[in-house]
Amino acid sequence: MIRRLTSPDAGRDLVRDINSDPDFSAPMLSTAEQIECTLIGAFEKPDHHVLGVFTDDVMTGLFVFLILEDDRYMEMTVGLSRSARAYEELFAYLSERYPGFRGDFVFNPGNHILRALLVQRDALFYCEQQKMVFRGPCPAVETSGVKPLSARYRAQYAQMHSRDVYWTGERVMEAPERFSVFVAVQDRTVVGYIDVTNCYEENEPFDIRVREPYRGKGWGKKLLAAAIKRNGSKGMGLLVDTDNVPAIKLYKWAGFVKAPGQNSITAVWDIR
């Protein structure tokens, strides 16, 4: 049985138990701030659904979904269960209520139960991502040519921004309370950008990109340094594909180190 929960109290023991399991913990509950924002804070957000799966009145799974009805999109931000039956019930529940939605599932790479069920449903899997955290110091590099996004460069920034993500350039620009954006400009042309969150105790360089002809010229270092300086004394963490050797090298140069046991993987399921 699946119930929509209205208080975090009912699931505290299950969260504590499963989130301490290295194979089934939730990557987005790795810090106290993430638990507060992603789990506890979800109960106050109307577009977030917190679901409990129960067997004989015993909770066997707890899940948090962002549900955007107009966009026909959902994202599992928390998935905590070691029960195959709980996941099966969850998928039946989602199939019944959200046909035609795109579902993004962010989960622990060690969660073989959820992975197998997504494989059965022909989900598309992205590369495993490594969590890295900033340990400093801020790199001593000049940042000429890098500036905060202004109206002059909004169109160019939006045009070159990654499109196969929820947070497109347009959405980022509509959320200044969440993101700061820096652009790299050469000869009045935007040649790169970085989106960085600005509202958390541990902020994230969310997306960084440099146009192909301008790579290897130091723009990535300048953009990252600008984001780190903007972040000040707050913490900073990021996710990077485990096979993206150039990016990992860049982040290590900037003072980031790997966070053991905090990797994640994303799968996309188009719900028929």
C-alpha atoms as a PDB file:
ATOM      1  CA  MET A   1       0.000   0.000   0.000  1.00  0.00           C
ATOM      2  CA  ILE A   2       1.219   3.499  -0.871  1.00  0.00           C
ATOM      3  CA  ARG A   3       0.260   6.541   1.170  1.00  0.00           C
ATOM      4  CA  ARG A   4       1.160  10.167   0.649  1.00  0.00           C
ATOM      5  CA  LEU A   5       2.866  11.295   3.842  1.00  0.00           C
ATOM      6  CA  THR A   6       2.257  14.643   5.524  1.00  0.00           C
ATOM      7  CA  SER A   7       4.973  14.571   8.198  1.00  0.00           C
ATOM      8  CA  PRO A   8       8.588  13.331   8.333  1.00  0.00           C
ATOM      9  CA  ASP A   9       8.016  11.693  11.716  1.00  0.00           C
ATOM     10  CA  ALA A  10       6.622   8.435  10.308  1.00  0.00           C
ATOM     11  CA  GLY A  11       9.721   7.652   8.275  1.00  0.00           C
ATOM     12  CA  ARG A  12      12.556   8.739  10.550  1.00  0.00           C
ATOM     13  CA  ASP A  13      13.644   5.231  11.556  1.00  0.00           C
ATOM     14  CA  LEU A  14      13.550   3.930   7.991  1.00  0.00           C
ATOM     15  CA  VAL A  15      15.495   6.947   6.705  1.00  0.00           C
ATOM     16  CA  ARG A  16      18.134   6.524   9.389  1.00  0.00           C
ATOM     17  CA  ASP A  17      18.469   2.799   8.689  1.00  0.00           C
ATOM     18  CA  ILE A  18      18.577   2.746   4.892  1.00  0.00           C
ATOM     19  CA  ASN A  19      20.481   5.976   4.453  1.00  0.00           C
ATOM     20  CA  SER A  20      23.342   4.435   6.458  1.00  0.00           C
ATOM     21  CA  ASP A  21      23.574   1.525   3.978  1.00  0.00           C
ATOM     22  CA  PRO A  22      26.381   2.229   1.452  1.00  0.00           C
ATOM     23  CA  ASP A  23      24.479   0.461  -1.360  1.00  0.00           C
ATOM     24  CA  PHE A  24      21.003   1.904  -0.766  1.00  0.00           C
ATOM     25  CA  SER A  25      21.591   5.374   0.695  1.00  0.00           C
ATOM     26  CA  ALA A  26      20.149   8.372  -1.151  1.00  0.00           C
ATOM     27  CA  PRO A  27      22.856  10.499  -2.845  1.00  0.00           C
ATOM     28  CA  MET A  28      20.827  13.670  -2.302  1.00  0.00           C
ATOM     29  CA  LEU A  29      20.698  13.083   1.477  1.00  0.00           C
ATOM     30  CA  SER A  30      24.458  13.110   2.024  1.00  0.00           C
ATOM     31  CA  THR A  31      24.566  16.203   4.256  1.00  0.00           C
ATOM     32  CA  ALA A  32      22.423  17.658   7.038  1.00  0.00           C
ATOM     33  CA  GLU A  33      21.469  20.547   4.738  1.00  0.00           C
ATOM     34  CA  GLN A  34      20.360  18.134   2.015  1.00  0.00           C
ATOM     35  CA  ILE A  35      18.214  16.207   4.499  1.00  0.00           C
ATOM     36  CA  GLU A  36      16.619  19.464   5.624  1.00  0.00           C
ATOM     37  CA  CYS A  37      16.003  20.802   2.104  1.00  0.00           C
ATOM     38  CA  THR A  38      15.369  17.669   0.061  1.00  0.00           C
ATOM     39  CA  LEU A  39      13.458  15.522   2.545  1.00  0.00           C
ATOM     40  CA  ILE A  40      12.017  17.608   5.379  1.00  0.00           C
ATOM     41  CA  GLY A  41      11.488  20.656   3.166  1.00  0.00           C
ATOM     42  CA  ALA A  42       9.552  18.548   0.633  1.00  0.00           C
ATOM     43  CA  PHE A  43       6.574  18.401   3.008  1.00  0.00           C
ATOM     44  CA  GLU A  44       6.104  22.161   2.604  1.00  0.00           C
ATOM     45  CA  LYS A  45       6.280  22.224  -1.206  1.00  0.00           C
ATOM     46  CA  PRO A  46       3.033  21.571  -3.080  1.00  0.00           C
ATOM     47  CA  ASP A  47       4.850  20.220  -6.154  1.00  0.00           C
ATOM     48  CA  HIS A  48       6.722  17.626  -4.062  1.00  0.00           C
ATOM     49  CA  HIS A  49       5.056  14.336  -3.130  1.00  0.00           C
ATOM     50  CA  VAL A  50       6.420  12.247  -0.248  1.00  0.00           C
ATOM     51  CA  LEU A  51       5.261   8.656  -0.560  1.00  0.00           C
ATOM     52  CA  GLY A  52       5.477   5.835   1.950  1.00  0.00           C
ATOM     53  CA  VAL A  53       5.168   2.188   0.937  1.00  0.00           C
ATOM     54  CA  PHE A  54       3.668  -0.023   3.653  1.00  0.00           C
ATOM     55  CA  THR A  55       3.454  -3.789   4.102  1.00  0.00           C
ATOM     56  CA  ASP A  56       1.218  -4.847   6.993  1.00  0.00           C
ATOM     57  CA  ASP A  57       1.434  -1.261   8.333  1.00  0.00           C
ATOM     58  CA  VAL A  58       5.249  -1.401   8.346  1.00  0.00           C
ATOM     59  CA  MET A  59       6.958   1.178   6.162  1.00  0.00           C
ATOM     60  CA  THR A  60       9.248  -0.538   3.642  1.00  0.00           C
ATOM     61  CA  GLY A  61      10.021   2.401   1.380  1.00  0.00           C
ATOM     62  CA  LEU A  62      10.078   6.189   1.359  1.00  0.00           C
ATOM     63  CA  PHE A  63      10.222   8.241  -1.827  1.00  0.00           C
ATOM     64  CA  VAL A  64      10.190  11.941  -2.686  1.00  0.00           C
ATOM     65  CA  PHE A  65       9.106  13.093  -6.145  1.00  0.00           C
ATOM     66  CA  LEU A  66       9.054  16.508  -7.740  1.00  0.00           C
ATOM     67  CA  ILE A  67       5.902  16.462  -9.904  1.00  0.00           C
ATOM     68  CA  LEU A  68       5.451  19.140 -12.594  1.00  0.00           C
ATOM     69  CA  GLU A  69       2.036  18.490 -14.080  1.00  0.00           C
ATOM     70  CA  ASP A  70       2.206  21.146 -16.827  1.00  0.00           C
ATOM     71  CA  ASP A  71       5.581  19.869 -18.032  1.00  0.00           C
ATOM     72  CA  ARG A  72       4.577  16.211 -17.641  1.00  0.00           C
ATOM     73  CA  TYR A  73       7.812  15.716 -15.756  1.00  0.00           C
ATOM     74  CA  MET A  74       8.784  14.069 -12.495  1.00  0.00           C
ATOM     75  CA  GLU A  75      12.051  13.562 -10.649  1.00  0.00           C
ATOM     76  CA  MET A  76      12.755  11.118  -7.843  1.00  0.00           C
ATOM     77  CA  THR A  77      14.958  13.078  -5.464  1.00  0.00           C
ATOM     78  CA  VAL A  78      14.815  10.521  -2.634  1.00  0.00           C
ATOM     79  CA  GLY A  79      14.431   6.775  -2.981  1.00  0.00           C
ATOM     80  CA  LEU A  80      14.939   4.695   0.156  1.00  0.00           C
ATOM     81  CA  SER A  81      14.062   1.005   0.193  1.00  0.00           C
ATOM     82  CA  ARG A  82      15.690  -2.412   0.156  1.00  0.00           C
ATOM     83  CA  SER A  83      12.439  -4.131  -0.817  1.00  0.00           C
ATOM     84  CA  ALA A  84      11.844  -5.260  -4.400  1.00  0.00           C
ATOM     85  CA  ARG A  85       8.121  -5.407  -3.604  1.00  0.00           C
ATOM     86  CA  ALA A  86       8.135  -1.762  -2.507  1.00  0.00           C
ATOM     87  CA  TYR A  87       9.736  -0.680  -5.782  1.00  0.00           C
ATOM     88  CA  GLU A  88       7.263  -2.770  -7.787  1.00  0.00           C
ATOM     89  CA  GLU A  89       4.374  -1.083  -5.984  1.00  0.00           C
ATOM     90  CA  LEU A  90       5.938   2.301  -6.634  1.00  0.00           C
ATOM     91  CA  PHE A  91       6.254   1.676 -10.379  1.00  0.00           C
ATOM     92  CA  ALA A  92       2.650   0.451 -10.572  1.00  0.00           C
ATOM     93  CA  TYR A  93       1.524   3.604  -8.729  1.00  0.00           C
ATOM     94  CA  LEU A  94       3.462   5.907 -11.079  1.00  0.00           C
ATOM     95  CA  SER A  95       2.292   4.066 -14.207  1.00  0.00           C
ATOM     96  CA  GLU A  96      -1.338   4.436 -13.170  1.00  0.00           C
ATOM     97  CA  ARG A  97      -1.200   8.123 -12.237  1.00  0.00           C
ATOM     98  CA  TYR A  98       1.375   9.647 -14.592  1.00  0.00           C
ATOM     99  CA  PRO A  99       1.165   8.060 -18.064  1.00  0.00           C
ATOM    100  CA  GLY A 100       3.048  10.114 -20.642  1.00  0.00           C
ATOM    101  CA  PHE A 101       5.366  11.708 -18.067  1.00  0.00           C
ATOM    102  CA  ARG A 102       9.142  11.696 -18.232  1.00  0.00           C
ATOM    103  CA  GLY A 103      10.580  10.377 -14.981  1.00  0.00           C
ATOM    104  CA  ASP A 104      14.148  11.107 -13.881  1.00  0.00           C
ATOM    105  CA  PHE A 105      15.494   8.801 -11.173  1.00  0.00           C
ATOM    106  CA  VAL A 106      18.628   9.868  -9.294  1.00  0.00           C
ATOM    107  CA  PHE A 107      19.891   7.013  -7.152  1.00  0.00           C
ATOM    108  CA  ASN A 108      22.794   5.148  -5.592  1.00  0.00           C
ATOM    109  CA  PRO A 109      24.750   3.116  -8.210  1.00  0.00           C
ATOM    110  CA  GLY A 110      24.812   0.230  -5.709  1.00  0.00           C
ATOM    111  CA  ASN A 111      21.000  -0.026  -5.659  1.00  0.00           C
ATOM    112  CA  HIS A 112      20.764  -3.124  -7.877  1.00  0.00           C
ATOM    113  CA  ILE A 113      17.027  -3.565  -7.202  1.00  0.00           C
ATOM    114  CA  LEU A 114      16.003  -0.185  -8.615  1.00  0.00           C
ATOM    115  CA  ARG A 115      18.503  -0.458 -11.460  1.00  0.00           C
ATOM    116  CA  ALA A 116      17.113  -3.857 -12.568  1.00  0.00           C
ATOM    117  CA  LEU A 117      13.517  -2.604 -12.549  1.00  0.00           C
ATOM    118  CA  LEU A 118      14.468   0.441 -14.621  1.00  0.00           C
ATOM    119  CA  VAL A 119      16.327  -1.777 -17.102  1.00  0.00           C
ATOM    120  CA  GLN A 120      13.160  -3.858 -17.468  1.00  0.00           C
ATOM    121  CA  ARG A 121      11.297  -0.678 -18.389  1.00  0.00           C
ATOM    122  CA  ASP A 122      13.837   0.349 -21.067  1.00  0.00           C
ATOM    123  CA  ALA A 123      15.040   3.354 -19.101  1.00  0.00           C
ATOM    124  CA  LEU A 124      17.926   5.387 -20.481  1.00  0.00           C
ATOM    125  CA  PHE A 125      20.910   5.467 -18.133  1.00  0.00           C
ATOM    126  CA  TYR A 126      23.388   8.318 -17.939  1.00  0.00           C
ATOM    127  CA  CYS A 127      26.986   7.964 -16.858  1.00  0.00           C
ATOM    128  CA  GLU A 128      27.696   7.460 -13.163  1.00  0.00           C
ATOM    129  CA  GLN A 129      28.632  10.716 -11.467  1.00  0.00           C
ATOM    130  CA  GLN A 130      31.310  11.367  -8.872  1.00  0.00           C
ATOM    131  CA  LYS A 131      30.632  13.810  -6.029  1.00  0.00           C
ATOM    132  CA  MET A 132      33.495  16.267  -5.435  1.00  0.00           C
ATOM    133  CA  VAL A 133      33.699  18.922  -2.711  1.00  0.00           C
ATOM    134  CA  PHE A 134      35.717  22.115  -2.573  1.00  0.00           C
ATOM    135  CA  ARG A 135      38.547  22.136  -0.065  1.00  0.00           C
ATOM    136  CA  GLY A 136      40.321  25.243  -1.366  1.00  0.00           C
ATOM    137  CA  PRO A 137      42.060  27.507  -1.499  1.00  0.00           C
ATOM    138  CA  CYS A 138      40.451  29.614  -4.195  1.00  0.00           C
ATOM    139  CA  PRO A 139      42.675  29.325  -7.303  1.00  0.00           C
ATOM    140  CA  ALA A 140      44.827  32.357  -7.978  1.00  0.00           C
ATOM    141  CA  VAL A 141      43.803  33.073 -11.563  1.00  0.00           C
ATOM    142  CA  GLU A 142      42.721  36.340 -13.109  1.00  0.00           C
ATOM    143  CA  THR A 143      39.194  36.344 -14.504  1.00  0.00           C
ATOM    144  CA  SER A 144      39.275  39.021 -17.209  1.00  0.00           C
ATOM    145  CA  GLY A 145      36.599  38.416 -19.820  1.00  0.00           C
ATOM    146  CA  VAL A 146      34.297  36.705 -17.306  1.00  0.00           C
ATOM    147  CA  LYS A 147      31.349  38.735 -16.041  1.00  0.00           C
ATOM    148  CA  PRO A 148      27.934  38.235 -14.438  1.00  0.00           C
ATOM    149  CA  LEU A 149      25.195  37.585 -16.971  1.00  0.00           C
ATOM    150  CA  SER A 150      23.547  40.820 -18.124  1.00  0.00           C
ATOM    151  CA  ALA A 151      20.679  41.623 -20.471  1.00  0.00           C
ATOM    152  CA  ARG A 152      23.181  42.175 -23.277  1.00  0.00           C
ATOM    153  CA  TYR A 153      24.226  38.525 -23.315  1.00  0.00           C
ATOM    154  CA  ARG A 154      21.030  36.719 -22.285  1.00  0.00           C
ATOM    155  CA  ALA A 155      20.096  35.610 -25.816  1.00  0.00           C
ATOM    156  CA  GLN A 156      23.572  34.254 -26.604  1.00  0.00           C
ATOM    157  CA  TYR A 157      23.733  32.448 -23.259  1.00  0.00           C
ATOM    158  CA  ALA A 158      20.327  30.817 -23.754  1.00  0.00           C
ATOM    159  CA  GLN A 159      21.214  29.771 -27.296  1.00  0.00           C
ATOM    160  CA  MET A 160      24.406  27.922 -26.308  1.00  0.00           C
ATOM    161  CA  HIS A 161      23.057  26.444 -23.069  1.00  0.00           C
ATOM    162  CA  SER A 162      22.622  22.685 -22.678  1.00  0.00           C
ATOM    163  CA  ARG A 163      19.134  21.677 -23.851  1.00  0.00           C
ATOM    164  CA  ASP A 164      18.788  18.060 -22.656  1.00  0.00           C
ATOM    165  CA  VAL A 165      18.354  19.121 -19.020  1.00  0.00           C
ATOM    166  CA  TYR A 166      15.469  20.423 -16.922  1.00  0.00           C
ATOM    167  CA  TRP A 167      17.384  23.559 -15.958  1.00  0.00           C
ATOM    168  CA  THR A 168      17.691  25.071 -19.413  1.00  0.00           C
ATOM    169  CA  GLY A 169      19.127  28.559 -19.821  1.00  0.00           C
ATOM    170  CA  GLU A 170      15.641  30.045 -19.864  1.00  0.00           C
ATOM    171  CA  ARG A 171      14.671  28.364 -16.604  1.00  0.00           C
ATOM    172  CA  VAL A 172      17.950  29.347 -14.942  1.00  0.00           C
ATOM    173  CA  MET A 173      17.399  32.994 -15.870  1.00  0.00           C
ATOM    174  CA  GLU A 174      13.909  32.819 -14.358  1.00  0.00           C
ATOM    175  CA  ALA A 175      15.364  31.701 -11.007  1.00  0.00           C
ATOM    176  CA  PRO A 176      17.860  34.372  -9.843  1.00  0.00           C
ATOM    177  CA  GLU A 177      17.047  33.459  -6.242  1.00  0.00           C
ATOM    178  CA  ARG A 178      18.577  30.034  -6.961  1.00  0.00           C
ATOM    179  CA  PHE A 179      21.290  30.597  -9.585  1.00  0.00           C
ATOM    180  CA  SER A 180      24.078  33.010 -10.383  1.00  0.00           C
ATOM    181  CA  VAL A 181      25.377  32.948 -13.966  1.00  0.00           C
ATOM    182  CA  PHE A 182      28.758  34.027 -15.293  1.00  0.00           C
ATOM    183  CA  VAL A 183      29.593  34.273 -18.984  1.00  0.00           C
ATOM    184  CA  ALA A 184      32.952  34.282 -20.731  1.00  0.00           C
ATOM    185  CA  VAL A 185      33.006  36.959 -23.432  1.00  0.00           C
ATOM    186  CA  GLN A 186      35.492  37.428 -26.243  1.00  0.00           C
ATOM    187  CA  ASP A 187      34.935  40.049 -28.948  1.00  0.00           C
ATOM    188  CA  ARG A 188      31.345  40.555 -27.724  1.00  0.00           C
ATOM    189  CA  THR A 189      30.634  36.838 -28.185  1.00  0.00           C
ATOM    190  CA  VAL A 190      29.671  34.504 -25.360  1.00  0.00           C
ATOM    191  CA  VAL A 191      32.192  31.676 -25.570  1.00  0.00           C
ATOM    192  CA  GLY A 192      31.326  29.955 -22.292  1.00  0.00           C
ATOM    193  CA  TYR A 193      29.199  30.074 -19.164  1.00  0.00           C
ATOM    194  CA  ILE A 194      28.798  28.636 -15.695  1.00  0.00           C
ATOM    195  CA  ASP A 195      25.588  28.312 -13.674  1.00  0.00           C
ATOM    196  CA  VAL A 196      26.172  28.113  -9.918  1.00  0.00           C
ATOM    197  CA  THR A 197      23.581  27.865  -7.161  1.00  0.00           C
ATOM    198  CA  ASN A 198      23.652  30.703  -4.645  1.00  0.00           C
ATOM    199  CA  CYS A 199      21.082  29.842  -1.955  1.00  0.00           C
ATOM    200  CA  TYR A 200      22.579  26.909  -0.053  1.00  0.00           C
ATOM    201  CA  GLU A 201      25.258  26.337   2.555  1.00  0.00           C
ATOM    202  CA  GLU A 202      26.844  23.971   0.010  1.00  0.00           C
ATOM    203  CA  ASN A 203      26.381  25.460  -3.448  1.00  0.00           C
ATOM    204  CA  GLU A 204      26.972  23.707  -6.747  1.00  0.00           C
ATOM    205  CA  PRO A 205      28.548  24.687 -10.077  1.00  0.00           C
ATOM    206  CA  PHE A 206      25.523  23.274 -11.844  1.00  0.00           C
ATOM    207  CA  ASP A 207      26.526  23.529 -15.494  1.00  0.00           C
ATOM    208  CA  ILE A 208      29.733  24.731 -17.144  1.00  0.00           C
ATOM    209  CA  ARG A 209      30.383  24.859 -20.854  1.00  0.00           C
ATOM    210  CA  VAL A 210      32.922  26.380 -23.240  1.00  0.00           C
ATOM    211  CA  ARG A 211      32.445  26.456 -27.006  1.00  0.00           C
ATOM    212  CA  GLU A 212      34.627  23.954 -28.853  1.00  0.00           C
ATOM    213  CA  PRO A 213      36.900  26.477 -30.668  1.00  0.00           C
ATOM    214  CA  TYR A 214      37.712  28.219 -27.357  1.00  0.00           C
ATOM    215  CA  ARG A 215      38.585  25.176 -25.262  1.00  0.00           C
ATOM    216  CA  GLY A 216      42.108  24.783 -23.947  1.00  0.00           C
ATOM    217  CA  LYS A 217      42.507  28.551 -23.649  1.00  0.00           C
ATOM    218  CA  GLY A 218      41.833  28.895 -19.915  1.00  0.00           C
ATOM    219  CA  TRP A 219      38.161  29.879 -20.051  1.00  0.00           C
ATOM    220  CA  GLY A 220      37.034  26.927 -17.953  1.00  0.00           C
ATOM    221  CA  LYS A 221      39.481  27.874 -15.198  1.00  0.00           C
ATOM    222  CA  LYS A 222      38.351  31.501 -15.278  1.00  0.00           C
ATOM    223  CA  LEU A 223      34.662  30.597 -15.083  1.00  0.00           C
ATOM    224  CA  LEU A 224      35.189  28.175 -12.215  1.00  0.00           C
ATOM    225  CA  ALA A 225      37.345  30.659 -10.312  1.00  0.00           C
ATOM    226  CA  ALA A 226      34.646  33.334 -10.703  1.00  0.00           C
ATOM    227  CA  ALA A 227      32.018  30.952  -9.319  1.00  0.00           C
ATOM    228  CA  ILE A 228      34.216  30.024  -6.337  1.00  0.00           C
ATOM    229  CA  LYS A 229      34.894  33.690  -5.548  1.00  0.00           C
ATOM    230  CA  ARG A 230      31.161  34.458  -5.788  1.00  0.00           C
ATOM    231  CA  ASN A 231      30.441  31.656  -3.317  1.00  0.00           C
ATOM    232  CA  GLY A 232      32.624  33.243  -0.620  1.00  0.00           C
ATOM    233  CA  SER A 233      32.964  31.264   2.588  1.00  0.00           C
ATOM    234  CA  LYS A 234      30.115  28.837   1.872  1.00  0.00           C
ATOM    235  CA  GLY A 235      30.746  25.211   0.987  1.00  0.00           C
ATOM    236  CA  MET A 236      30.714  23.966  -2.582  1.00  0.00           C
ATOM    237  CA  GLY A 237      30.145  20.545  -4.101  1.00  0.00           C
ATOM    238  CA  LEU A 238      29.518  19.216  -7.586  1.00  0.00           C
ATOM    239  CA  LEU A 239      28.797  16.118  -9.644  1.00  0.00           C
ATOM    240  CA  VAL A 240      30.961  15.100 -12.602  1.00  0.00           C
ATOM    241  CA  ASP A 241      30.748  12.107 -14.932  1.00  0.00           C
ATOM    242  CA  THR A 242      33.252   9.505 -13.815  1.00  0.00           C
ATOM    243  CA  ASP A 243      34.598   9.189 -17.380  1.00  0.00           C
ATOM    244  CA  ASN A 244      35.024  12.947 -17.900  1.00  0.00           C
ATOM    245  CA  VAL A 245      38.769  13.053 -17.316  1.00  0.00           C
ATOM    246  CA  PRO A 246      39.328  16.686 -18.473  1.00  0.00           C
ATOM    247  CA  ALA A 247      36.586  17.998 -16.147  1.00  0.00           C
ATOM    248  CA  ILE A 248      37.863  16.012 -13.159  1.00  0.00           C
ATOM    249  CA  LYS A 249      41.348  17.380 -13.845  1.00  0.00           C
ATOM    250  CA  LEU A 250      39.915  20.933 -13.933  1.00  0.00           C
ATOM    251  CA  TYR A 251      38.053  20.484 -10.651  1.00  0.00           C
ATOM    252  CA  LYS A 252      41.101  19.015  -8.923  1.00  0.00           C
ATOM    253  CA  TRP A 253      43.118  22.011 -10.119  1.00  0.00           C
ATOM    254  CA  ALA A 254      40.483  24.308  -8.570  1.00  0.00           C
ATOM    255  CA  GLY A 255      40.685  22.626  -5.149  1.00  0.00           C
ATOM    256  CA  PHE A 256      37.961  19.975  -5.349  1.00  0.00           C
ATOM    257  CA  VAL A 257      38.470  16.463  -3.970  1.00  0.00           C
ATOM    258  CA  LYS A 258      36.425  13.283  -4.401  1.00  0.00           C
ATOM    259  CA  ALA A 259      33.781  12.538  -1.752  1.00  0.00           C
ATOM    260  CA  PRO A 260      33.884   8.768  -1.129  1.00  0.00           C
ATOM    261  CA  GLY A 261      30.559   6.941  -1.142  1.00  0.00           C
ATOM    262  CA  GLN A 262      28.519   9.805  -2.635  1.00  0.00           C
ATOM    263  CA  ASN A 263      28.351   8.798  -6.285  1.00  0.00           C
ATOM    264  CA  SER A 264      25.011   8.802  -8.106  1.00  0.00           C
ATOM    265  CA  ILE A 265      23.473   7.672 -11.369  1.00  0.00           C
ATOM    266  CA  THR A 266      20.476   9.035 -13.274  1.00  0.00           C
ATOM    267  CA  ALA A 267      18.018   7.008 -15.336  1.00  0.00           C
ATOM    268  CA  VAL A 268      15.205   8.407 -17.477  1.00  0.00           C
ATOM    269  CA  TRP A 269      11.958   6.446 -17.793  1.00  0.00           C
ATOM    270  CA  ASP A 270       9.290   7.559 -20.253  1.00  0.00           C
ATOM    271  CA  ILE A 271       6.111   6.310 -18.604  1.00  0.00           C
ATOM    272  CA  ARG A 272       3.878   4.677 -21.164  1.00  0.00           C
END
